[in-house]
N, C-alpha and C. Protein backbone atom coordinates (compact mmCIF):
# COMPACT_ATOMS: atom_id res chain seq x y z
N MET A 1 -15.42 -17.09 -13.16
CA MET A 1 -14.19 -16.92 -13.92
C MET A 1 -14.43 -16.01 -15.11
N ALA A 2 -13.42 -15.23 -15.47
CA ALA A 2 -13.54 -14.35 -16.62
C ALA A 2 -13.56 -15.17 -17.90
N PRO A 3 -14.31 -14.72 -18.93
CA PRO A 3 -14.32 -15.43 -20.21
C PRO A 3 -12.91 -15.60 -20.75
N GLY A 4 -12.59 -16.79 -21.20
CA GLY A 4 -11.28 -17.05 -21.78
C GLY A 4 -10.19 -17.31 -20.77
N ALA A 5 -10.52 -17.38 -19.49
CA ALA A 5 -9.49 -17.64 -18.48
C ALA A 5 -8.82 -18.98 -18.74
N LYS A 6 -7.49 -19.00 -18.69
CA LYS A 6 -6.75 -20.21 -19.01
C LYS A 6 -6.42 -21.04 -17.77
N ALA A 7 -6.25 -20.37 -16.64
CA ALA A 7 -5.91 -21.08 -15.42
C ALA A 7 -7.09 -21.08 -14.47
N ILE A 8 -7.36 -22.23 -13.88
CA ILE A 8 -8.47 -22.34 -12.94
C ILE A 8 -7.93 -22.03 -11.55
N PRO A 9 -8.45 -21.00 -10.90
CA PRO A 9 -7.96 -20.66 -9.55
C PRO A 9 -8.10 -21.83 -8.59
N ARG A 10 -7.10 -22.01 -7.74
CA ARG A 10 -7.12 -23.12 -6.79
C ARG A 10 -8.37 -23.12 -5.90
N PRO A 11 -8.81 -21.94 -5.39
CA PRO A 11 -10.02 -21.96 -4.55
C PRO A 11 -11.25 -22.50 -5.28
N VAL A 12 -11.33 -22.26 -6.59
CA VAL A 12 -12.47 -22.78 -7.36
C VAL A 12 -12.43 -24.30 -7.38
N VAL A 13 -11.25 -24.85 -7.66
CA VAL A 13 -11.10 -26.32 -7.69
C VAL A 13 -11.41 -26.90 -6.32
N GLU A 14 -10.91 -26.28 -5.26
CA GLU A 14 -11.15 -26.78 -3.91
C GLU A 14 -12.64 -26.74 -3.56
N GLU A 15 -13.32 -25.70 -4.03
CA GLU A 15 -14.76 -25.59 -3.75
C GLU A 15 -15.54 -26.70 -4.45
N VAL A 16 -15.16 -27.01 -5.69
CA VAL A 16 -15.83 -28.09 -6.42
C VAL A 16 -15.59 -29.42 -5.73
N ILE A 17 -14.34 -29.68 -5.34
CA ILE A 17 -14.01 -30.94 -4.67
C ILE A 17 -14.79 -31.07 -3.36
N ALA A 18 -14.87 -29.99 -2.61
CA ALA A 18 -15.57 -30.03 -1.32
C ALA A 18 -17.05 -30.35 -1.49
N ALA A 19 -17.60 -29.99 -2.65
CA ALA A 19 -19.02 -30.22 -2.89
C ALA A 19 -19.33 -31.61 -3.46
N LEU A 20 -18.29 -32.38 -3.78
CA LEU A 20 -18.52 -33.71 -4.35
C LEU A 20 -19.11 -34.65 -3.29
N PRO A 21 -20.23 -35.28 -3.58
CA PRO A 21 -20.78 -36.25 -2.63
C PRO A 21 -19.85 -37.45 -2.46
N ASP A 22 -19.89 -38.06 -1.29
CA ASP A 22 -19.02 -39.21 -1.00
C ASP A 22 -19.24 -40.34 -1.99
N ASP A 23 -20.49 -40.55 -2.41
CA ASP A 23 -20.78 -41.62 -3.37
C ASP A 23 -20.08 -41.37 -4.70
N ASP A 24 -20.05 -40.10 -5.14
CA ASP A 24 -19.39 -39.77 -6.40
C ASP A 24 -17.88 -39.96 -6.28
N VAL A 25 -17.32 -39.58 -5.14
CA VAL A 25 -15.88 -39.78 -4.92
C VAL A 25 -15.56 -41.27 -4.97
N ALA A 26 -16.39 -42.09 -4.34
CA ALA A 26 -16.16 -43.53 -4.34
C ALA A 26 -16.23 -44.09 -5.76
N ARG A 27 -17.17 -43.58 -6.57
CA ARG A 27 -17.26 -44.05 -7.96
C ARG A 27 -16.02 -43.65 -8.76
N LEU A 28 -15.50 -42.44 -8.53
CA LEU A 28 -14.31 -41.99 -9.23
C LEU A 28 -13.10 -42.85 -8.86
N VAL A 29 -12.98 -43.15 -7.58
CA VAL A 29 -11.87 -44.01 -7.14
C VAL A 29 -12.02 -45.39 -7.76
N GLY A 30 -13.24 -45.93 -7.76
CA GLY A 30 -13.47 -47.23 -8.39
C GLY A 30 -13.12 -47.23 -9.86
N LEU A 31 -13.42 -46.11 -10.54
CA LEU A 31 -13.08 -46.00 -11.96
C LEU A 31 -11.57 -46.01 -12.15
N ALA A 32 -10.85 -45.28 -11.31
CA ALA A 32 -9.39 -45.28 -11.39
C ALA A 32 -8.82 -46.67 -11.16
N GLU A 33 -9.41 -47.39 -10.21
CA GLU A 33 -8.94 -48.75 -9.92
C GLU A 33 -9.15 -49.68 -11.11
N ARG A 34 -10.21 -49.45 -11.89
CA ARG A 34 -10.47 -50.31 -13.04
C ARG A 34 -9.68 -49.90 -14.27
N VAL A 35 -9.61 -48.61 -14.53
CA VAL A 35 -9.01 -48.12 -15.78
C VAL A 35 -7.49 -48.10 -15.71
N ALA A 36 -6.94 -47.75 -14.56
CA ALA A 36 -5.48 -47.66 -14.43
C ALA A 36 -5.05 -48.37 -13.15
N ALA A 37 -5.36 -49.65 -13.09
CA ALA A 37 -5.17 -50.41 -11.85
C ALA A 37 -3.72 -50.38 -11.36
N ASP A 38 -2.77 -50.64 -12.24
CA ASP A 38 -1.36 -50.70 -11.82
C ASP A 38 -0.88 -49.36 -11.29
N ARG A 39 -1.16 -48.28 -12.03
CA ARG A 39 -0.71 -46.96 -11.60
C ARG A 39 -1.41 -46.52 -10.32
N TRP A 40 -2.68 -46.89 -10.20
CA TRP A 40 -3.41 -46.52 -8.99
C TRP A 40 -2.82 -47.23 -7.77
N ARG A 41 -2.53 -48.51 -7.91
CA ARG A 41 -1.95 -49.27 -6.80
C ARG A 41 -0.59 -48.72 -6.41
N MET A 42 0.22 -48.34 -7.40
CA MET A 42 1.54 -47.76 -7.12
C MET A 42 1.40 -46.45 -6.36
N LEU A 43 0.43 -45.63 -6.77
CA LEU A 43 0.24 -44.34 -6.10
C LEU A 43 -0.24 -44.54 -4.67
N VAL A 44 -1.17 -45.45 -4.47
CA VAL A 44 -1.69 -45.73 -3.12
C VAL A 44 -0.57 -46.26 -2.24
N ALA A 45 0.26 -47.14 -2.80
CA ALA A 45 1.37 -47.70 -2.03
C ALA A 45 2.37 -46.62 -1.63
N GLU A 46 2.52 -45.60 -2.47
CA GLU A 46 3.51 -44.54 -2.23
C GLU A 46 3.03 -43.51 -1.22
N VAL A 47 1.77 -43.09 -1.33
CA VAL A 47 1.31 -41.96 -0.49
C VAL A 47 0.09 -42.29 0.37
N GLY A 48 -0.47 -43.45 0.21
CA GLY A 48 -1.68 -43.79 0.96
C GLY A 48 -2.93 -43.47 0.17
N ARG A 49 -4.04 -44.11 0.54
CA ARG A 49 -5.28 -44.00 -0.24
C ARG A 49 -5.87 -42.59 -0.21
N ARG A 50 -5.79 -41.91 0.95
CA ARG A 50 -6.41 -40.59 1.05
C ARG A 50 -5.69 -39.58 0.16
N LEU A 51 -4.36 -39.54 0.25
CA LEU A 51 -3.61 -38.60 -0.59
C LEU A 51 -3.65 -38.98 -2.06
N ALA A 52 -3.79 -40.26 -2.34
CA ALA A 52 -3.85 -40.71 -3.73
C ALA A 52 -5.08 -40.16 -4.44
N ARG A 53 -6.13 -39.89 -3.66
CA ARG A 53 -7.36 -39.38 -4.27
C ARG A 53 -7.21 -37.95 -4.76
N GLU A 54 -6.29 -37.19 -4.18
CA GLU A 54 -6.23 -35.76 -4.45
C GLU A 54 -5.99 -35.42 -5.92
N PRO A 55 -4.96 -35.99 -6.58
CA PRO A 55 -4.78 -35.65 -8.00
C PRO A 55 -5.96 -36.10 -8.86
N LEU A 56 -6.59 -37.21 -8.48
CA LEU A 56 -7.76 -37.68 -9.20
C LEU A 56 -8.89 -36.66 -9.10
N LEU A 57 -9.17 -36.18 -7.89
CA LEU A 57 -10.27 -35.23 -7.68
C LEU A 57 -9.94 -33.87 -8.28
N VAL A 58 -8.69 -33.46 -8.21
CA VAL A 58 -8.29 -32.20 -8.83
C VAL A 58 -8.50 -32.26 -10.34
N GLY A 59 -8.14 -33.39 -10.93
CA GLY A 59 -8.33 -33.55 -12.38
C GLY A 59 -9.79 -33.50 -12.77
N VAL A 60 -10.62 -34.19 -12.01
CA VAL A 60 -12.06 -34.20 -12.30
C VAL A 60 -12.66 -32.82 -12.12
N ALA A 61 -12.31 -32.15 -11.02
CA ALA A 61 -12.85 -30.82 -10.75
C ALA A 61 -12.39 -29.82 -11.81
N SER A 62 -11.12 -29.91 -12.21
CA SER A 62 -10.60 -29.00 -13.23
C SER A 62 -11.32 -29.20 -14.56
N ALA A 63 -11.55 -30.48 -14.92
CA ALA A 63 -12.25 -30.77 -16.17
C ALA A 63 -13.68 -30.24 -16.12
N ALA A 64 -14.34 -30.41 -14.97
CA ALA A 64 -15.72 -29.94 -14.84
C ALA A 64 -15.81 -28.43 -14.98
N VAL A 65 -14.88 -27.71 -14.38
CA VAL A 65 -14.89 -26.25 -14.47
C VAL A 65 -14.56 -25.80 -15.89
N THR A 66 -13.58 -26.46 -16.51
CA THR A 66 -13.16 -26.09 -17.86
C THR A 66 -14.31 -26.20 -18.85
N GLU A 67 -15.17 -27.20 -18.66
CA GLU A 67 -16.30 -27.38 -19.57
C GLU A 67 -17.25 -26.18 -19.53
N LEU A 68 -17.25 -25.44 -18.43
CA LEU A 68 -18.17 -24.32 -18.28
C LEU A 68 -17.54 -22.99 -18.67
N VAL A 69 -16.25 -23.01 -19.03
CA VAL A 69 -15.60 -21.79 -19.50
C VAL A 69 -15.99 -21.57 -20.96
N PRO A 70 -16.41 -20.36 -21.32
CA PRO A 70 -16.86 -20.13 -22.71
C PRO A 70 -15.71 -20.29 -23.70
N PRO A 71 -16.04 -20.55 -24.96
CA PRO A 71 -14.99 -20.65 -25.98
C PRO A 71 -14.26 -19.31 -26.11
N PRO A 72 -13.03 -19.33 -26.58
CA PRO A 72 -12.27 -18.07 -26.70
C PRO A 72 -12.92 -17.13 -27.71
N ARG A 73 -12.73 -15.84 -27.52
CA ARG A 73 -13.35 -14.84 -28.40
C ARG A 73 -12.86 -14.97 -29.83
N TRP A 74 -11.56 -15.35 -29.99
CA TRP A 74 -11.05 -15.46 -31.35
C TRP A 74 -11.77 -16.55 -32.13
N LEU A 75 -12.30 -17.57 -31.42
CA LEU A 75 -13.00 -18.64 -32.11
C LEU A 75 -14.34 -18.14 -32.66
N LEU A 76 -15.02 -17.29 -31.88
CA LEU A 76 -16.26 -16.72 -32.38
C LEU A 76 -15.99 -15.79 -33.56
N ALA A 77 -14.89 -15.02 -33.47
CA ALA A 77 -14.55 -14.12 -34.57
C ALA A 77 -14.24 -14.91 -35.83
N MET A 78 -13.55 -16.05 -35.69
CA MET A 78 -13.24 -16.88 -36.84
C MET A 78 -14.52 -17.49 -37.42
N ARG A 79 -15.44 -17.88 -36.55
CA ARG A 79 -16.70 -18.48 -37.00
C ARG A 79 -17.54 -17.49 -37.79
N GLU A 80 -17.34 -16.21 -37.57
CA GLU A 80 -18.12 -15.17 -38.23
C GLU A 80 -18.00 -15.25 -39.75
N ALA A 81 -16.84 -15.69 -40.25
CA ALA A 81 -16.61 -15.72 -41.70
C ALA A 81 -17.57 -16.65 -42.43
N THR A 82 -18.06 -17.69 -41.74
CA THR A 82 -18.96 -18.65 -42.39
C THR A 82 -20.33 -18.72 -41.72
N ALA A 83 -20.57 -17.85 -40.73
CA ALA A 83 -21.83 -17.91 -39.99
C ALA A 83 -23.03 -17.69 -40.88
N GLY A 84 -22.88 -16.85 -41.90
CA GLY A 84 -24.01 -16.58 -42.79
C GLY A 84 -24.42 -17.77 -43.63
N GLU A 85 -23.53 -18.76 -43.77
CA GLU A 85 -23.82 -19.94 -44.58
C GLU A 85 -24.26 -21.13 -43.73
N ALA A 86 -24.34 -20.96 -42.42
CA ALA A 86 -24.70 -22.06 -41.53
C ALA A 86 -26.16 -22.48 -41.76
N PRO A 87 -26.44 -23.79 -41.67
CA PRO A 87 -27.82 -24.27 -41.85
C PRO A 87 -28.79 -23.72 -40.81
N GLY A 88 -28.27 -23.33 -39.65
CA GLY A 88 -29.16 -22.82 -38.61
C GLY A 88 -28.38 -22.45 -37.37
N PRO A 89 -29.03 -21.80 -36.43
CA PRO A 89 -28.32 -21.34 -35.22
C PRO A 89 -27.75 -22.47 -34.37
N VAL A 90 -28.44 -23.60 -34.32
CA VAL A 90 -27.93 -24.71 -33.50
C VAL A 90 -26.64 -25.26 -34.08
N ASN A 91 -26.50 -25.23 -35.42
CA ASN A 91 -25.25 -25.66 -36.05
C ASN A 91 -24.09 -24.76 -35.64
N VAL A 92 -24.35 -23.46 -35.58
CA VAL A 92 -23.30 -22.52 -35.15
C VAL A 92 -22.91 -22.80 -33.71
N LEU A 93 -23.89 -23.01 -32.85
CA LEU A 93 -23.61 -23.31 -31.45
C LEU A 93 -22.80 -24.60 -31.33
N ALA A 94 -23.20 -25.63 -32.04
CA ALA A 94 -22.51 -26.93 -31.96
C ALA A 94 -21.06 -26.81 -32.40
N SER A 95 -20.78 -25.94 -33.37
CA SER A 95 -19.42 -25.82 -33.88
C SER A 95 -18.46 -25.21 -32.86
N LEU A 96 -18.99 -24.63 -31.79
CA LEU A 96 -18.15 -23.98 -30.79
C LEU A 96 -17.99 -24.78 -29.50
N LEU A 97 -18.65 -25.94 -29.42
CA LEU A 97 -18.62 -26.75 -28.20
C LEU A 97 -17.83 -28.03 -28.41
N HIS A 98 -17.36 -28.61 -27.32
CA HIS A 98 -16.62 -29.88 -27.36
C HIS A 98 -17.61 -31.04 -27.21
N PRO A 99 -17.68 -31.94 -28.17
CA PRO A 99 -18.60 -33.09 -28.08
C PRO A 99 -18.40 -33.93 -26.83
N GLU A 100 -17.13 -34.02 -26.36
CA GLU A 100 -16.83 -34.86 -25.21
C GLU A 100 -17.47 -34.34 -23.92
N SER A 101 -17.99 -33.11 -23.96
CA SER A 101 -18.70 -32.59 -22.80
C SER A 101 -20.09 -33.21 -22.67
N VAL A 102 -20.57 -33.82 -23.75
CA VAL A 102 -21.92 -34.39 -23.77
C VAL A 102 -21.89 -35.90 -23.98
N TRP A 103 -21.03 -36.37 -24.88
CA TRP A 103 -20.93 -37.80 -25.21
C TRP A 103 -19.65 -38.39 -24.64
N SER A 104 -19.75 -39.59 -24.11
CA SER A 104 -18.56 -40.26 -23.57
C SER A 104 -17.69 -40.77 -24.71
N ALA A 105 -16.43 -41.05 -24.39
CA ALA A 105 -15.51 -41.60 -25.39
C ALA A 105 -16.03 -42.92 -25.93
N ASP A 106 -16.62 -43.74 -25.08
CA ASP A 106 -17.17 -45.03 -25.53
C ASP A 106 -18.32 -44.82 -26.51
N GLU A 107 -19.19 -43.85 -26.23
CA GLU A 107 -20.31 -43.59 -27.13
C GLU A 107 -19.83 -43.06 -28.48
N ILE A 108 -18.83 -42.20 -28.45
CA ILE A 108 -18.29 -41.66 -29.69
C ILE A 108 -17.65 -42.76 -30.52
N ARG A 109 -16.87 -43.62 -29.87
CA ARG A 109 -16.23 -44.73 -30.60
C ARG A 109 -17.26 -45.69 -31.18
N ALA A 110 -18.31 -45.97 -30.42
CA ALA A 110 -19.36 -46.89 -30.89
C ALA A 110 -20.08 -46.30 -32.09
N ALA A 111 -20.40 -45.03 -32.05
CA ALA A 111 -21.07 -44.38 -33.17
C ALA A 111 -20.17 -44.37 -34.40
N HIS A 112 -18.90 -44.08 -34.17
CA HIS A 112 -17.95 -44.02 -35.29
C HIS A 112 -17.76 -45.40 -35.92
N ALA A 113 -17.66 -46.43 -35.09
CA ALA A 113 -17.49 -47.79 -35.60
C ALA A 113 -18.68 -48.21 -36.45
N LEU A 114 -19.86 -47.78 -36.05
CA LEU A 114 -21.08 -48.10 -36.80
C LEU A 114 -21.10 -47.40 -38.14
N ALA A 115 -20.64 -46.15 -38.18
CA ALA A 115 -20.82 -45.33 -39.38
C ALA A 115 -19.60 -45.28 -40.30
N SER A 116 -18.41 -45.58 -39.80
CA SER A 116 -17.19 -45.36 -40.58
C SER A 116 -17.12 -46.11 -41.90
N PRO A 117 -17.68 -47.34 -42.03
CA PRO A 117 -17.57 -48.01 -43.33
C PRO A 117 -18.48 -47.41 -44.41
N LEU A 118 -19.34 -46.49 -44.06
CA LEU A 118 -20.36 -46.00 -44.96
C LEU A 118 -19.91 -44.76 -45.71
N SER A 119 -20.62 -44.45 -46.79
CA SER A 119 -20.37 -43.22 -47.51
C SER A 119 -20.76 -42.04 -46.63
N VAL A 120 -20.34 -40.84 -47.01
CA VAL A 120 -20.59 -39.68 -46.15
C VAL A 120 -22.08 -39.47 -45.87
N PRO A 121 -22.96 -39.49 -46.88
CA PRO A 121 -24.38 -39.32 -46.56
C PRO A 121 -24.92 -40.41 -45.64
N GLN A 122 -24.48 -41.66 -45.88
CA GLN A 122 -24.92 -42.76 -45.02
C GLN A 122 -24.30 -42.64 -43.63
N HIS A 123 -23.06 -42.16 -43.60
CA HIS A 123 -22.37 -41.93 -42.32
C HIS A 123 -23.18 -40.97 -41.46
N VAL A 124 -23.57 -39.86 -42.06
CA VAL A 124 -24.35 -38.85 -41.34
C VAL A 124 -25.67 -39.45 -40.85
N ALA A 125 -26.35 -40.19 -41.73
CA ALA A 125 -27.63 -40.79 -41.36
C ALA A 125 -27.46 -41.79 -40.23
N ALA A 126 -26.37 -42.56 -40.25
CA ALA A 126 -26.13 -43.56 -39.22
C ALA A 126 -25.86 -42.90 -37.87
N ILE A 127 -25.10 -41.81 -37.86
CA ILE A 127 -24.80 -41.10 -36.62
C ILE A 127 -26.08 -40.50 -36.04
N ILE A 128 -26.90 -39.92 -36.89
CA ILE A 128 -28.16 -39.35 -36.43
C ILE A 128 -29.05 -40.43 -35.83
N SER A 129 -29.11 -41.57 -36.49
CA SER A 129 -29.91 -42.68 -35.98
C SER A 129 -29.37 -43.17 -34.64
N PHE A 130 -28.05 -43.28 -34.54
CA PHE A 130 -27.42 -43.72 -33.29
C PHE A 130 -27.74 -42.73 -32.17
N ALA A 131 -27.59 -41.44 -32.47
CA ALA A 131 -27.84 -40.41 -31.46
C ALA A 131 -29.29 -40.44 -31.00
N ASN A 132 -30.21 -40.59 -31.95
CA ASN A 132 -31.63 -40.63 -31.59
C ASN A 132 -31.93 -41.80 -30.66
N ALA A 133 -31.23 -42.93 -30.88
CA ALA A 133 -31.48 -44.12 -30.07
C ALA A 133 -30.83 -44.01 -28.68
N LYS A 134 -29.72 -43.29 -28.60
CA LYS A 134 -28.93 -43.27 -27.36
C LYS A 134 -29.13 -42.03 -26.50
N VAL A 135 -29.62 -40.95 -27.07
CA VAL A 135 -29.72 -39.71 -26.31
C VAL A 135 -30.70 -39.87 -25.16
N THR A 136 -30.32 -39.35 -24.02
CA THR A 136 -31.13 -39.44 -22.80
C THR A 136 -31.36 -38.04 -22.24
N GLU A 137 -32.14 -37.98 -21.19
CA GLU A 137 -32.35 -36.70 -20.53
C GLU A 137 -31.03 -36.15 -20.01
N TRP A 138 -30.15 -37.03 -19.56
CA TRP A 138 -28.82 -36.60 -19.09
C TRP A 138 -28.06 -35.91 -20.20
N HIS A 139 -28.04 -36.50 -21.41
CA HIS A 139 -27.36 -35.88 -22.55
C HIS A 139 -27.95 -34.51 -22.86
N ARG A 140 -29.28 -34.42 -22.85
CA ARG A 140 -29.93 -33.15 -23.17
C ARG A 140 -29.59 -32.09 -22.13
N ASP A 141 -29.60 -32.47 -20.85
CA ASP A 141 -29.27 -31.51 -19.80
C ASP A 141 -27.81 -31.07 -19.90
N ARG A 142 -26.93 -32.01 -20.21
CA ARG A 142 -25.51 -31.66 -20.37
C ARG A 142 -25.33 -30.71 -21.54
N ALA A 143 -26.03 -30.96 -22.64
CA ALA A 143 -25.92 -30.09 -23.81
C ALA A 143 -26.36 -28.68 -23.46
N ARG A 144 -27.45 -28.58 -22.72
CA ARG A 144 -27.93 -27.25 -22.31
C ARG A 144 -26.91 -26.57 -21.39
N LEU A 145 -26.33 -27.33 -20.49
CA LEU A 145 -25.39 -26.76 -19.53
C LEU A 145 -24.16 -26.18 -20.23
N VAL A 146 -23.53 -26.97 -21.09
CA VAL A 146 -22.31 -26.49 -21.74
C VAL A 146 -22.63 -25.41 -22.78
N ALA A 147 -23.82 -25.45 -23.36
CA ALA A 147 -24.20 -24.44 -24.34
C ALA A 147 -24.28 -23.06 -23.70
N ARG A 148 -24.73 -23.01 -22.47
CA ARG A 148 -24.91 -21.72 -21.81
C ARG A 148 -23.58 -21.04 -21.48
N SER A 149 -22.47 -21.75 -21.68
CA SER A 149 -21.17 -21.13 -21.41
C SER A 149 -20.89 -19.96 -22.35
N VAL A 150 -21.55 -19.92 -23.51
CA VAL A 150 -21.29 -18.84 -24.47
C VAL A 150 -22.04 -17.55 -24.11
N THR A 151 -22.96 -17.64 -23.15
CA THR A 151 -23.81 -16.49 -22.83
C THR A 151 -23.00 -15.26 -22.46
N SER A 152 -21.91 -15.47 -21.69
CA SER A 152 -21.14 -14.33 -21.20
C SER A 152 -20.40 -13.60 -22.31
N LEU A 153 -20.31 -14.18 -23.50
CA LEU A 153 -19.61 -13.54 -24.61
C LEU A 153 -20.52 -12.67 -25.47
N LEU A 154 -21.81 -12.77 -25.26
CA LEU A 154 -22.78 -12.12 -26.15
C LEU A 154 -23.30 -10.80 -25.57
N PRO A 155 -23.55 -9.83 -26.48
CA PRO A 155 -23.22 -9.84 -27.91
C PRO A 155 -21.75 -9.49 -28.11
N MET A 156 -21.17 -9.98 -29.19
CA MET A 156 -19.77 -9.73 -29.49
C MET A 156 -19.72 -8.85 -30.74
N ALA A 157 -19.21 -7.63 -30.58
CA ALA A 157 -19.28 -6.62 -31.64
C ALA A 157 -18.61 -7.08 -32.93
N GLU A 158 -17.49 -7.81 -32.80
CA GLU A 158 -16.76 -8.22 -33.99
C GLU A 158 -17.35 -9.47 -34.65
N ALA A 159 -18.38 -10.03 -34.07
CA ALA A 159 -19.04 -11.21 -34.65
C ALA A 159 -20.55 -11.06 -34.52
N PRO A 160 -21.15 -10.11 -35.21
CA PRO A 160 -22.58 -9.85 -35.04
C PRO A 160 -23.48 -10.98 -35.53
N VAL A 161 -23.13 -11.61 -36.65
CA VAL A 161 -23.97 -12.70 -37.19
C VAL A 161 -23.87 -13.92 -36.28
N THR A 162 -22.66 -14.26 -35.88
CA THR A 162 -22.47 -15.38 -34.95
C THR A 162 -23.19 -15.12 -33.64
N SER A 163 -23.09 -13.90 -33.14
CA SER A 163 -23.78 -13.55 -31.89
C SER A 163 -25.29 -13.74 -32.02
N ARG A 164 -25.83 -13.33 -33.16
CA ARG A 164 -27.28 -13.47 -33.36
C ARG A 164 -27.68 -14.94 -33.43
N HIS A 165 -26.88 -15.75 -34.14
CA HIS A 165 -27.14 -17.19 -34.21
C HIS A 165 -27.12 -17.81 -32.82
N LEU A 166 -26.10 -17.46 -32.04
CA LEU A 166 -25.96 -18.06 -30.71
C LEU A 166 -27.10 -17.64 -29.79
N ALA A 167 -27.48 -16.38 -29.87
CA ALA A 167 -28.59 -15.91 -29.05
C ALA A 167 -29.88 -16.64 -29.42
N ASP A 168 -30.08 -16.85 -30.73
CA ASP A 168 -31.28 -17.58 -31.18
C ASP A 168 -31.26 -19.02 -30.68
N ALA A 169 -30.08 -19.66 -30.74
CA ALA A 169 -29.97 -21.06 -30.29
C ALA A 169 -30.22 -21.16 -28.79
N LEU A 170 -29.64 -20.23 -28.03
CA LEU A 170 -29.80 -20.27 -26.57
C LEU A 170 -31.25 -20.00 -26.16
N ALA A 171 -31.97 -19.23 -26.98
CA ALA A 171 -33.36 -18.92 -26.67
C ALA A 171 -34.26 -20.15 -26.78
N ILE A 172 -33.83 -21.14 -27.57
CA ILE A 172 -34.68 -22.33 -27.79
C ILE A 172 -34.05 -23.61 -27.26
N ILE A 173 -32.92 -23.50 -26.55
CA ILE A 173 -32.23 -24.70 -26.09
C ILE A 173 -33.02 -25.45 -25.04
N GLY A 174 -33.99 -24.77 -24.41
CA GLY A 174 -34.83 -25.46 -23.43
C GLY A 174 -35.79 -26.44 -24.05
N ARG A 175 -36.06 -26.31 -25.33
CA ARG A 175 -36.94 -27.25 -26.00
C ARG A 175 -36.25 -28.61 -26.14
N ARG A 176 -37.01 -29.65 -25.95
CA ARG A 176 -36.45 -31.00 -26.07
C ARG A 176 -35.87 -31.22 -27.45
N SER A 177 -36.60 -30.82 -28.49
CA SER A 177 -36.16 -31.07 -29.86
C SER A 177 -34.85 -30.35 -30.17
N THR A 178 -34.69 -29.14 -29.63
CA THR A 178 -33.47 -28.38 -29.87
C THR A 178 -32.28 -29.02 -29.16
N ALA A 179 -32.49 -29.45 -27.91
CA ALA A 179 -31.41 -30.10 -27.17
C ALA A 179 -30.99 -31.39 -27.85
N VAL A 180 -31.96 -32.15 -28.38
CA VAL A 180 -31.64 -33.39 -29.09
C VAL A 180 -30.86 -33.07 -30.37
N GLU A 181 -31.28 -32.02 -31.09
CA GLU A 181 -30.55 -31.64 -32.30
C GLU A 181 -29.11 -31.28 -31.99
N LEU A 182 -28.90 -30.55 -30.89
CA LEU A 182 -27.53 -30.19 -30.50
C LEU A 182 -26.73 -31.44 -30.16
N CYS A 183 -27.34 -32.39 -29.46
CA CYS A 183 -26.65 -33.65 -29.15
C CYS A 183 -26.26 -34.39 -30.42
N ARG A 184 -27.18 -34.44 -31.38
CA ARG A 184 -26.88 -35.13 -32.65
C ARG A 184 -25.70 -34.47 -33.36
N LEU A 185 -25.71 -33.15 -33.44
CA LEU A 185 -24.65 -32.44 -34.14
C LEU A 185 -23.30 -32.63 -33.45
N LEU A 186 -23.30 -32.66 -32.13
CA LEU A 186 -22.04 -32.87 -31.40
C LEU A 186 -21.49 -34.27 -31.63
N LEU A 187 -22.37 -35.26 -31.65
CA LEU A 187 -21.91 -36.63 -31.90
C LEU A 187 -21.40 -36.77 -33.33
N LEU A 188 -22.08 -36.12 -34.28
CA LEU A 188 -21.64 -36.16 -35.67
C LEU A 188 -20.27 -35.51 -35.81
N SER A 189 -20.07 -34.37 -35.16
CA SER A 189 -18.78 -33.70 -35.20
C SER A 189 -17.68 -34.58 -34.64
N ALA A 190 -17.96 -35.26 -33.52
CA ALA A 190 -16.95 -36.12 -32.90
C ALA A 190 -16.60 -37.29 -33.80
N SER A 191 -17.60 -37.88 -34.45
CA SER A 191 -17.35 -39.03 -35.32
C SER A 191 -16.55 -38.62 -36.56
N LEU A 192 -16.94 -37.52 -37.19
CA LEU A 192 -16.22 -37.06 -38.37
C LEU A 192 -14.78 -36.67 -38.03
N ARG A 193 -14.59 -36.15 -36.83
CA ARG A 193 -13.25 -35.77 -36.41
C ARG A 193 -12.33 -36.98 -36.34
N LEU A 194 -12.87 -38.11 -35.94
CA LEU A 194 -12.06 -39.33 -35.90
C LEU A 194 -11.59 -39.75 -37.28
N ASP A 195 -12.32 -39.32 -38.31
CA ASP A 195 -11.92 -39.57 -39.69
C ASP A 195 -11.01 -38.48 -40.24
N GLY A 196 -10.71 -37.50 -39.41
CA GLY A 196 -9.85 -36.41 -39.84
C GLY A 196 -10.55 -35.39 -40.72
N LEU A 197 -11.88 -35.40 -40.71
CA LEU A 197 -12.62 -34.49 -41.60
C LEU A 197 -12.86 -33.13 -40.98
N VAL A 198 -12.83 -33.04 -39.65
CA VAL A 198 -12.96 -31.74 -38.99
C VAL A 198 -11.98 -31.71 -37.83
N PRO A 199 -11.41 -30.55 -37.50
CA PRO A 199 -10.46 -30.47 -36.38
C PRO A 199 -11.17 -30.44 -35.06
N ILE A 200 -10.39 -30.61 -33.98
CA ILE A 200 -10.96 -30.51 -32.63
C ILE A 200 -11.51 -29.11 -32.42
N VAL A 201 -10.67 -28.10 -32.68
CA VAL A 201 -11.12 -26.72 -32.74
C VAL A 201 -10.36 -26.06 -33.88
N PRO A 202 -10.93 -25.04 -34.51
CA PRO A 202 -10.20 -24.37 -35.59
C PRO A 202 -8.88 -23.80 -35.08
N SER A 203 -7.89 -23.86 -35.92
CA SER A 203 -6.58 -23.34 -35.54
C SER A 203 -6.56 -21.82 -35.64
N GLN A 204 -5.75 -21.16 -34.81
CA GLN A 204 -5.58 -19.72 -34.89
C GLN A 204 -4.69 -19.34 -36.06
N ASN A 205 -3.98 -20.30 -36.61
CA ASN A 205 -3.02 -20.00 -37.69
C ASN A 205 -3.68 -20.04 -39.06
């Protein structure tokens, strides 16, 4: 897909669905049965179990593909204004990614519940401690996967400092310590966002 593409072509979604193992499909159906039992039963009753799976699988496939689409170019251009003040390249990379691509909603809520009563410095320390205790190889691999989505945008002429930061971060993302740092920053961003301290993504306005 081209960088910044807004619509996911149907053949791409169909290819992802076709590649889903049967065990994963069964787990997704089981999740739907638990999380939205009434709506799932109504859908199955209306169209049958096989057809009922289709919107579920399309949604999952679309979300999976969307996570691999790089951030929009305007976001990198906007980040350029403060890139020189960033603590480091991994911080710049983290500011352009969605935390939910690495941490589940339950993990984000648990971290936030632990840290929210605390002052900001203690909040940050609590989130870092939580992330260090919970981060797994899966989290690190996911962080590396979604981070590489920015590769197709580099170098970006209108954002030279941001481009340099991102290239530096991507060069070291294979290191365990770097992947863990990115996971920590993403969880911190997600927790602070629940307090209204940072937006989901910067506004174009």
